[in-house]
Amino acid sequence: MYRFNGNLSFVSKAVTRTTRKLAESQRSYVQLFVKVADRNLLESWHREVQRPYINLKRERADRGWNWPGIMTLQGSVADRLGQEPVFYAVGLKRANRFIPLGLVFLAKNYYALYDSTKKGCFIWYVTSAPDEFYNSIGIPRQQIPSIGNILVDIGITVSFNQLKNGVVGLHASPKGKPDLVDFYGRVCKLKRLSSHIPIGFLGLSRRNDGRYFYSDEQTGFKLSCSLDGLR
């Protein structure tokens, strides 16, 4: 698997949540598709997933998000700053219809959080559909895919394809409380940036609250290789 020629493929399947802890020979998988998300897809997500399901969950960090609005405002700002913003969706197909299960908004042209002299990608927003959405479209619990680390892998894959060596960064929203920090650290196996390292780019600075995570070249390579069986 080459990672430095700009042709690394996205993940194309995911282990089902109920079998992910079983031996590899006993696991079940669901076929997935990753595509660039346009405004129509973001509006569909907001109408069919965000408002009726995510916005009802007080504990979720993405409660109240407006993805079409994010594209209009944050996407435009990122574009003016030269960050090369892009939206991706991961989902499945039923009756030739693409059903999004998660979204990622990332900047393809950013700096490495751990070393501002290096380039990387930055994941600005990430979300996934709750169980209630799967129930609404008739997908039984045993077929729900585990896509959390796959959403992060989209950023790592884009980083490799942009010849940035798998370097990514992200910030765990304080609204996600300790669970989100645990998810990015323990489940996604990203490194946690020391709160003593300042955050700043293009003359702009923001407080480092200790909730930033990243992959450097070695970590990005290791995490990407770990999902090769799903590509």
C-alpha atoms as a PDB file:
ATOM      1  CA  MET A   1       0.000   0.000   0.000  1.00  0.00           C
ATOM      2  CA  TYR A   2       1.619   3.220  -1.202  1.00  0.00           C
ATOM      3  CA  ARG A   3       0.967   6.300   0.874  1.00  0.00           C
ATOM      4  CA  PHE A   4       3.047   8.944  -0.787  1.00  0.00           C
ATOM      5  CA  ASN A   5       1.760   8.901  -4.367  1.00  0.00           C
ATOM      6  CA  GLY A   6      -1.547  10.683  -3.761  1.00  0.00           C
ATOM      7  CA  ASN A   7      -3.714   7.652  -4.525  1.00  0.00           C
ATOM      8  CA  LEU A   8      -4.574   6.173  -1.131  1.00  0.00           C
ATOM      9  CA  SER A   9      -8.168   4.937  -1.156  1.00  0.00           C
ATOM     10  CA  PHE A  10     -10.774   5.637   1.504  1.00  0.00           C
ATOM     11  CA  VAL A  11     -12.209   2.902   3.677  1.00  0.00           C
ATOM     12  CA  SER A  12     -14.872   0.911   1.802  1.00  0.00           C
ATOM     13  CA  LYS A  13     -16.337  -1.194   4.599  1.00  0.00           C
ATOM     14  CA  ALA A  14     -16.769  -1.130   8.373  1.00  0.00           C
ATOM     15  CA  VAL A  15     -17.106  -3.818  11.000  1.00  0.00           C
ATOM     16  CA  THR A  16     -20.522  -3.908  12.632  1.00  0.00           C
ATOM     17  CA  ARG A  17     -20.629  -2.508  16.121  1.00  0.00           C
ATOM     18  CA  THR A  18     -21.862  -5.750  17.685  1.00  0.00           C
ATOM     19  CA  THR A  19     -18.988  -7.823  16.241  1.00  0.00           C
ATOM     20  CA  ARG A  20     -16.013  -5.450  16.475  1.00  0.00           C
ATOM     21  CA  LYS A  21     -14.670  -7.139  19.630  1.00  0.00           C
ATOM     22  CA  LEU A  22     -14.859 -10.634  18.151  1.00  0.00           C
ATOM     23  CA  ALA A  23     -12.064 -12.490  16.400  1.00  0.00           C
ATOM     24  CA  GLU A  24     -11.511 -11.269  12.852  1.00  0.00           C
ATOM     25  CA  SER A  25     -12.968 -14.450  11.331  1.00  0.00           C
ATOM     26  CA  GLN A  26     -16.221 -13.889  13.261  1.00  0.00           C
ATOM     27  CA  ARG A  27     -16.777 -10.240  12.389  1.00  0.00           C
ATOM     28  CA  SER A  28     -19.502  -8.910  10.123  1.00  0.00           C
ATOM     29  CA  TYR A  29     -19.014  -5.982   7.765  1.00  0.00           C
ATOM     30  CA  VAL A  30     -21.091  -3.324   6.037  1.00  0.00           C
ATOM     31  CA  GLN A  31     -20.068  -1.807   2.706  1.00  0.00           C
ATOM     32  CA  LEU A  32     -19.439   1.940   2.880  1.00  0.00           C
ATOM     33  CA  PHE A  33     -18.928   4.741   0.391  1.00  0.00           C
ATOM     34  CA  VAL A  34     -17.043   8.013   0.871  1.00  0.00           C
ATOM     35  CA  LYS A  35     -17.853  11.001  -1.332  1.00  0.00           C
ATOM     36  CA  VAL A  36     -17.427  14.757  -1.391  1.00  0.00           C
ATOM     37  CA  ALA A  37     -20.512  16.312   0.176  1.00  0.00           C
ATOM     38  CA  ASP A  38     -22.201  19.139  -1.713  1.00  0.00           C
ATOM     39  CA  ARG A  39     -24.764  21.601  -0.357  1.00  0.00           C
ATOM     40  CA  ASN A  40     -27.708  19.383  -1.306  1.00  0.00           C
ATOM     41  CA  LEU A  41     -26.299  16.521   0.756  1.00  0.00           C
ATOM     42  CA  LEU A  42     -25.636  18.821   3.730  1.00  0.00           C
ATOM     43  CA  GLU A  43     -29.174  20.163   3.535  1.00  0.00           C
ATOM     44  CA  SER A  44     -30.514  16.604   3.446  1.00  0.00           C
ATOM     45  CA  TRP A  45     -28.455  15.737   6.541  1.00  0.00           C
ATOM     46  CA  HIS A  46     -29.718  18.790   8.380  1.00  0.00           C
ATOM     47  CA  ARG A  47     -33.317  17.968   7.488  1.00  0.00           C
ATOM     48  CA  GLU A  48     -33.264  14.185   8.012  1.00  0.00           C
ATOM     49  CA  VAL A  49     -30.634  13.616  10.712  1.00  0.00           C
ATOM     50  CA  GLN A  50     -29.557  16.797  12.490  1.00  0.00           C
ATOM     51  CA  ARG A  51     -32.916  18.347  13.361  1.00  0.00           C
ATOM     52  CA  PRO A  52     -35.028  15.255  14.156  1.00  0.00           C
ATOM     53  CA  TYR A  53     -32.361  13.249  15.995  1.00  0.00           C
ATOM     54  CA  ILE A  54     -29.084  14.955  16.945  1.00  0.00           C
ATOM     55  CA  ASN A  55     -30.673  18.203  18.142  1.00  0.00           C
ATOM     56  CA  LEU A  56     -32.748  16.249  20.674  1.00  0.00           C
ATOM     57  CA  LYS A  57     -29.657  14.885  22.431  1.00  0.00           C
ATOM     58  CA  ARG A  58     -28.378  17.285  25.084  1.00  0.00           C
ATOM     59  CA  GLU A  59     -25.189  15.308  25.646  1.00  0.00           C
ATOM     60  CA  ARG A  60     -23.916  15.560  22.077  1.00  0.00           C
ATOM     61  CA  ALA A  61     -21.269  18.123  21.157  1.00  0.00           C
ATOM     62  CA  ASP A  62     -22.826  18.517  17.700  1.00  0.00           C
ATOM     63  CA  ARG A  63     -26.271  19.418  19.020  1.00  0.00           C
ATOM     64  CA  GLY A  64     -27.488  22.574  17.285  1.00  0.00           C
ATOM     65  CA  TRP A  65     -25.058  22.412  14.374  1.00  0.00           C
ATOM     66  CA  ASN A  66     -26.212  23.656  10.984  1.00  0.00           C
ATOM     67  CA  TRP A  67     -24.161  22.030   8.233  1.00  0.00           C
ATOM     68  CA  PRO A  68     -25.399  24.199   5.352  1.00  0.00           C
ATOM     69  CA  GLY A  69     -24.579  27.203   7.531  1.00  0.00           C
ATOM     70  CA  ILE A  70     -21.139  25.788   8.301  1.00  0.00           C
ATOM     71  CA  MET A  71     -20.480  25.513   4.572  1.00  0.00           C
ATOM     72  CA  THR A  72     -21.642  29.093   3.998  1.00  0.00           C
ATOM     73  CA  LEU A  73     -19.765  30.753   6.868  1.00  0.00           C
ATOM     74  CA  GLN A  74     -16.853  28.645   8.107  1.00  0.00           C
ATOM     75  CA  GLY A  75     -16.276  27.155   4.677  1.00  0.00           C
ATOM     76  CA  SER A  76     -16.043  30.602   3.095  1.00  0.00           C
ATOM     77  CA  VAL A  77     -13.667  31.865   5.800  1.00  0.00           C
ATOM     78  CA  ALA A  78     -11.444  28.796   5.430  1.00  0.00           C
ATOM     79  CA  ASP A  79     -11.424  29.320   1.670  1.00  0.00           C
ATOM     80  CA  ARG A  80     -10.343  32.956   2.017  1.00  0.00           C
ATOM     81  CA  LEU A  81      -7.545  31.872   4.356  1.00  0.00           C
ATOM     82  CA  GLY A  82      -6.280  29.446   1.734  1.00  0.00           C
ATOM     83  CA  GLN A  83      -7.096  26.368   3.823  1.00  0.00           C
ATOM     84  CA  GLU A  84      -8.691  24.512   0.887  1.00  0.00           C
ATOM     85  CA  PRO A  85     -11.833  23.415   2.752  1.00  0.00           C
ATOM     86  CA  VAL A  86     -13.746  20.299   1.724  1.00  0.00           C
ATOM     87  CA  PHE A  87     -16.735  18.362   3.065  1.00  0.00           C
ATOM     88  CA  TYR A  88     -16.921  14.567   2.967  1.00  0.00           C
ATOM     89  CA  ALA A  89     -19.733  12.150   3.692  1.00  0.00           C
ATOM     90  CA  VAL A  90     -19.463   8.463   4.549  1.00  0.00           C
ATOM     91  CA  GLY A  91     -22.537   6.357   4.012  1.00  0.00           C
ATOM     92  CA  LEU A  92     -24.158   3.321   2.475  1.00  0.00           C
ATOM     93  CA  LYS A  93     -26.328   2.722  -0.562  1.00  0.00           C
ATOM     94  CA  ARG A  94     -29.845   1.315  -0.524  1.00  0.00           C
ATOM     95  CA  ALA A  95     -31.874   1.030  -3.716  1.00  0.00           C
ATOM     96  CA  ASN A  96     -29.218   3.129  -5.494  1.00  0.00           C
ATOM     97  CA  ARG A  97     -29.683   5.948  -2.974  1.00  0.00           C
ATOM     98  CA  PHE A  98     -26.737   7.248  -0.963  1.00  0.00           C
ATOM     99  CA  ILE A  99     -27.601   7.443   2.754  1.00  0.00           C
ATOM    100  CA  PRO A 100     -25.086   9.520   4.744  1.00  0.00           C
ATOM    101  CA  LEU A 101     -24.040   8.157   8.124  1.00  0.00           C
ATOM    102  CA  GLY A 102     -21.405  10.749   8.992  1.00  0.00           C
ATOM    103  CA  LEU A 103     -19.892  14.031   7.821  1.00  0.00           C
ATOM    104  CA  VAL A 104     -16.437  15.585   8.007  1.00  0.00           C
ATOM    105  CA  PHE A 105     -15.450  19.184   7.284  1.00  0.00           C
ATOM    106  CA  LEU A 106     -11.697  19.588   6.976  1.00  0.00           C
ATOM    107  CA  ALA A 107      -9.024  21.933   5.732  1.00  0.00           C
ATOM    108  CA  LYS A 108      -6.623  20.312   3.273  1.00  0.00           C
ATOM    109  CA  ASN A 109      -4.038  23.072   3.691  1.00  0.00           C
ATOM    110  CA  TYR A 110      -3.225  23.701   7.342  1.00  0.00           C
ATOM    111  CA  TYR A 111      -0.228  23.474   9.611  1.00  0.00           C
ATOM    112  CA  ALA A 112       0.842  20.679  11.964  1.00  0.00           C
ATOM    113  CA  LEU A 113      -0.340  21.480  15.483  1.00  0.00           C
ATOM    114  CA  TYR A 114       2.821  20.055  17.008  1.00  0.00           C
ATOM    115  CA  ASP A 115       5.153  21.930  14.620  1.00  0.00           C
ATOM    116  CA  SER A 116       3.942  25.038  12.771  1.00  0.00           C
ATOM    117  CA  THR A 117       6.778  24.701  10.248  1.00  0.00           C
ATOM    118  CA  LYS A 118       5.152  21.527   8.872  1.00  0.00           C
ATOM    119  CA  LYS A 119       2.013  21.123   6.795  1.00  0.00           C
ATOM    120  CA  GLY A 120      -1.024  18.990   7.544  1.00  0.00           C
ATOM    121  CA  CYS A 121      -4.811  18.832   7.434  1.00  0.00           C
ATOM    122  CA  PHE A 122      -7.209  20.002  10.124  1.00  0.00           C
ATOM    123  CA  ILE A 123     -10.589  18.459  10.892  1.00  0.00           C
ATOM    124  CA  TRP A 124     -12.909  21.321  11.804  1.00  0.00           C
ATOM    125  CA  TYR A 125     -16.175  19.444  12.269  1.00  0.00           C
ATOM    126  CA  VAL A 126     -17.138  15.768  12.424  1.00  0.00           C
ATOM    127  CA  THR A 127     -20.488  14.131  13.137  1.00  0.00           C
ATOM    128  CA  SER A 128     -22.171  10.746  12.916  1.00  0.00           C
ATOM    129  CA  ALA A 129     -25.768   9.568  12.869  1.00  0.00           C
ATOM    130  CA  PRO A 130     -27.267   8.330  16.168  1.00  0.00           C
ATOM    131  CA  ASP A 131     -28.847   4.902  16.564  1.00  0.00           C
ATOM    132  CA  GLU A 132     -32.345   6.339  16.225  1.00  0.00           C
ATOM    133  CA  PHE A 133     -31.608   7.329  12.630  1.00  0.00           C
ATOM    134  CA  TYR A 134     -30.566   3.783  11.758  1.00  0.00           C
ATOM    135  CA  ASN A 135     -33.806   2.532  13.295  1.00  0.00           C
ATOM    136  CA  SER A 136     -35.801   4.987  11.183  1.00  0.00           C
ATOM    137  CA  ILE A 137     -34.381   3.612   7.925  1.00  0.00           C
ATOM    138  CA  GLY A 138     -34.808  -0.010   8.948  1.00  0.00           C
ATOM    139  CA  ILE A 139     -31.218  -0.976   9.716  1.00  0.00           C
ATOM    140  CA  PRO A 140     -31.184  -3.437  12.652  1.00  0.00           C
ATOM    141  CA  ARG A 141     -28.801  -2.928  15.546  1.00  0.00           C
ATOM    142  CA  GLN A 142     -26.574  -5.844  14.519  1.00  0.00           C
ATOM    143  CA  GLN A 143     -25.889  -4.164  11.171  1.00  0.00           C
ATOM    144  CA  ILE A 144     -24.952  -0.723  12.486  1.00  0.00           C
ATOM    145  CA  PRO A 145     -21.358  -0.022  11.377  1.00  0.00           C
ATOM    146  CA  SER A 146     -18.694   1.368  13.686  1.00  0.00           C
ATOM    147  CA  ILE A 147     -17.530   4.483  11.813  1.00  0.00           C
ATOM    148  CA  GLY A 148     -15.998   6.754  14.466  1.00  0.00           C
ATOM    149  CA  ASN A 149     -12.364   6.123  13.604  1.00  0.00           C
ATOM    150  CA  ILE A 150     -13.264   5.916   9.899  1.00  0.00           C
ATOM    151  CA  LEU A 151     -14.373   9.554   9.995  1.00  0.00           C
ATOM    152  CA  VAL A 152     -10.966  10.516  11.382  1.00  0.00           C
ATOM    153  CA  ASP A 153      -9.279   8.297   8.792  1.00  0.00           C
ATOM    154  CA  ILE A 154     -10.872  10.415   6.057  1.00  0.00           C
ATOM    155  CA  GLY A 155      -8.725  13.297   7.300  1.00  0.00           C
ATOM    156  CA  ILE A 156      -5.615  11.126   7.478  1.00  0.00           C
ATOM    157  CA  THR A 157      -6.242   9.744   3.986  1.00  0.00           C
ATOM    158  CA  VAL A 158      -6.724  13.232   2.555  1.00  0.00           C
ATOM    159  CA  SER A 159      -3.486  14.268   4.258  1.00  0.00           C
ATOM    160  CA  PHE A 160      -1.594  11.453   2.533  1.00  0.00           C
ATOM    161  CA  ASN A 161      -3.197  12.262  -0.805  1.00  0.00           C
ATOM    162  CA  GLN A 162      -2.176  15.911  -0.361  1.00  0.00           C
ATOM    163  CA  LEU A 163       1.397  14.658   0.251  1.00  0.00           C
ATOM    164  CA  LYS A 164       1.270  15.817   3.883  1.00  0.00           C
ATOM    165  CA  ASN A 165       2.289  12.438   5.287  1.00  0.00           C
ATOM    166  CA  GLY A 166      -0.838  11.652   7.314  1.00  0.00           C
ATOM    167  CA  VAL A 167      -0.511  14.720   9.524  1.00  0.00           C
ATOM    168  CA  VAL A 168      -3.868  15.895  10.901  1.00  0.00           C
ATOM    169  CA  GLY A 169      -5.161  17.893  13.841  1.00  0.00           C
ATOM    170  CA  LEU A 170      -8.512  18.459  15.500  1.00  0.00           C
ATOM    171  CA  HIS A 171     -10.094  19.932  18.609  1.00  0.00           C
ATOM    172  CA  ALA A 172     -12.429  18.027  20.939  1.00  0.00           C
ATOM    173  CA  SER A 173     -15.271  20.399  21.749  1.00  0.00           C
ATOM    174  CA  PRO A 174     -15.733  21.096  25.476  1.00  0.00           C
ATOM    175  CA  LYS A 175     -19.433  20.342  24.923  1.00  0.00           C
ATOM    176  CA  GLY A 176     -18.377  16.729  24.400  1.00  0.00           C
ATOM    177  CA  LYS A 177     -16.983  16.582  27.952  1.00  0.00           C
ATOM    178  CA  PRO A 178     -14.564  13.747  28.894  1.00  0.00           C
ATOM    179  CA  ASP A 179     -16.195  11.190  26.591  1.00  0.00           C
ATOM    180  CA  LEU A 180     -15.029  13.012  23.466  1.00  0.00           C
ATOM    181  CA  VAL A 181     -11.463  13.287  24.753  1.00  0.00           C
ATOM    182  CA  ASP A 182     -11.511   9.573  25.531  1.00  0.00           C
ATOM    183  CA  PHE A 183     -12.855   8.802  22.062  1.00  0.00           C
ATOM    184  CA  TYR A 184     -10.131  10.677  20.179  1.00  0.00           C
ATOM    185  CA  GLY A 185      -7.378   9.428  22.458  1.00  0.00           C
ATOM    186  CA  ARG A 186      -8.311   5.832  23.289  1.00  0.00           C
ATOM    187  CA  VAL A 187     -10.524   4.817  20.352  1.00  0.00           C
ATOM    188  CA  CYS A 188      -8.974   6.828  17.498  1.00  0.00           C
ATOM    189  CA  LYS A 189      -5.498   6.595  19.048  1.00  0.00           C
ATOM    190  CA  LEU A 190      -4.538  10.173  18.211  1.00  0.00           C
ATOM    191  CA  LYS A 191      -1.887  11.974  20.226  1.00  0.00           C
ATOM    192  CA  ARG A 192      -2.989  14.661  22.665  1.00  0.00           C
ATOM    193  CA  LEU A 193      -1.257  17.995  22.236  1.00  0.00           C
ATOM    194  CA  SER A 194       0.331  19.425  25.368  1.00  0.00           C
ATOM    195  CA  SER A 195      -1.574  22.448  26.669  1.00  0.00           C
ATOM    196  CA  HIS A 196       1.783  24.263  26.858  1.00  0.00           C
ATOM    197  CA  ILE A 197       2.121  24.336  23.060  1.00  0.00           C
ATOM    198  CA  PRO A 198       0.603  27.558  21.659  1.00  0.00           C
ATOM    199  CA  ILE A 199      -1.990  27.414  18.894  1.00  0.00           C
ATOM    200  CA  GLY A 200      -1.546  30.002  16.165  1.00  0.00           C
ATOM    201  CA  PHE A 201      -1.504  30.376  12.407  1.00  0.00           C
ATOM    202  CA  LEU A 202      -1.341  33.326   9.977  1.00  0.00           C
ATOM    203  CA  GLY A 203      -1.052  35.757  12.877  1.00  0.00           C
ATOM    204  CA  LEU A 204      -4.194  34.360  14.524  1.00  0.00           C
ATOM    205  CA  SER A 205      -4.036  32.697  17.923  1.00  0.00           C
ATOM    206  CA  ARG A 206      -6.424  30.788  20.132  1.00  0.00           C
ATOM    207  CA  ARG A 207      -6.176  29.396  23.633  1.00  0.00           C
ATOM    208  CA  ASN A 208      -4.887  25.853  23.943  1.00  0.00           C
ATOM    209  CA  ASP A 209      -7.316  24.244  26.372  1.00  0.00           C
ATOM    210  CA  GLY A 210      -5.581  20.870  26.278  1.00  0.00           C
ATOM    211  CA  ARG A 211      -8.264  19.308  24.068  1.00  0.00           C
ATOM    212  CA  TYR A 212      -6.306  19.320  20.792  1.00  0.00           C
ATOM    213  CA  PHE A 213      -5.332  16.024  19.178  1.00  0.00           C
ATOM    214  CA  TYR A 214      -3.089  15.207  16.247  1.00  0.00           C
ATOM    215  CA  SER A 215      -1.279  12.581  14.251  1.00  0.00           C
ATOM    216  CA  ASP A 216       2.317  13.151  13.226  1.00  0.00           C
ATOM    217  CA  GLU A 217       3.968  11.284  10.337  1.00  0.00           C
ATOM    218  CA  GLN A 218       4.588   8.118  12.359  1.00  0.00           C
ATOM    219  CA  THR A 219       1.163   8.061  14.008  1.00  0.00           C
ATOM    220  CA  GLY A 220      -0.649   8.834  10.751  1.00  0.00           C
ATOM    221  CA  PHE A 221       1.174   6.021   8.969  1.00  0.00           C
ATOM    222  CA  LYS A 222       0.413   3.525  11.741  1.00  0.00           C
ATOM    223  CA  LEU A 223      -3.273   4.464  12.004  1.00  0.00           C
ATOM    224  CA  SER A 224      -3.731   4.416   8.232  1.00  0.00           C
ATOM    225  CA  CYS A 225      -2.093   0.991   7.906  1.00  0.00           C
ATOM    226  CA  SER A 226      -4.326  -0.372  10.669  1.00  0.00           C
ATOM    227  CA  LEU A 227      -7.372   0.123   8.434  1.00  0.00           C
ATOM    228  CA  ASP A 228      -5.921  -1.306   5.240  1.00  0.00           C
ATOM    229  CA  GLY A 229      -8.098  -4.399   5.593  1.00  0.00           C
ATOM    230  CA  LEU A 230     -11.161  -2.132   5.230  1.00  0.00           C
ATOM    231  CA  ARG A 231     -10.015  -0.244   2.099  1.00  0.00           C
END
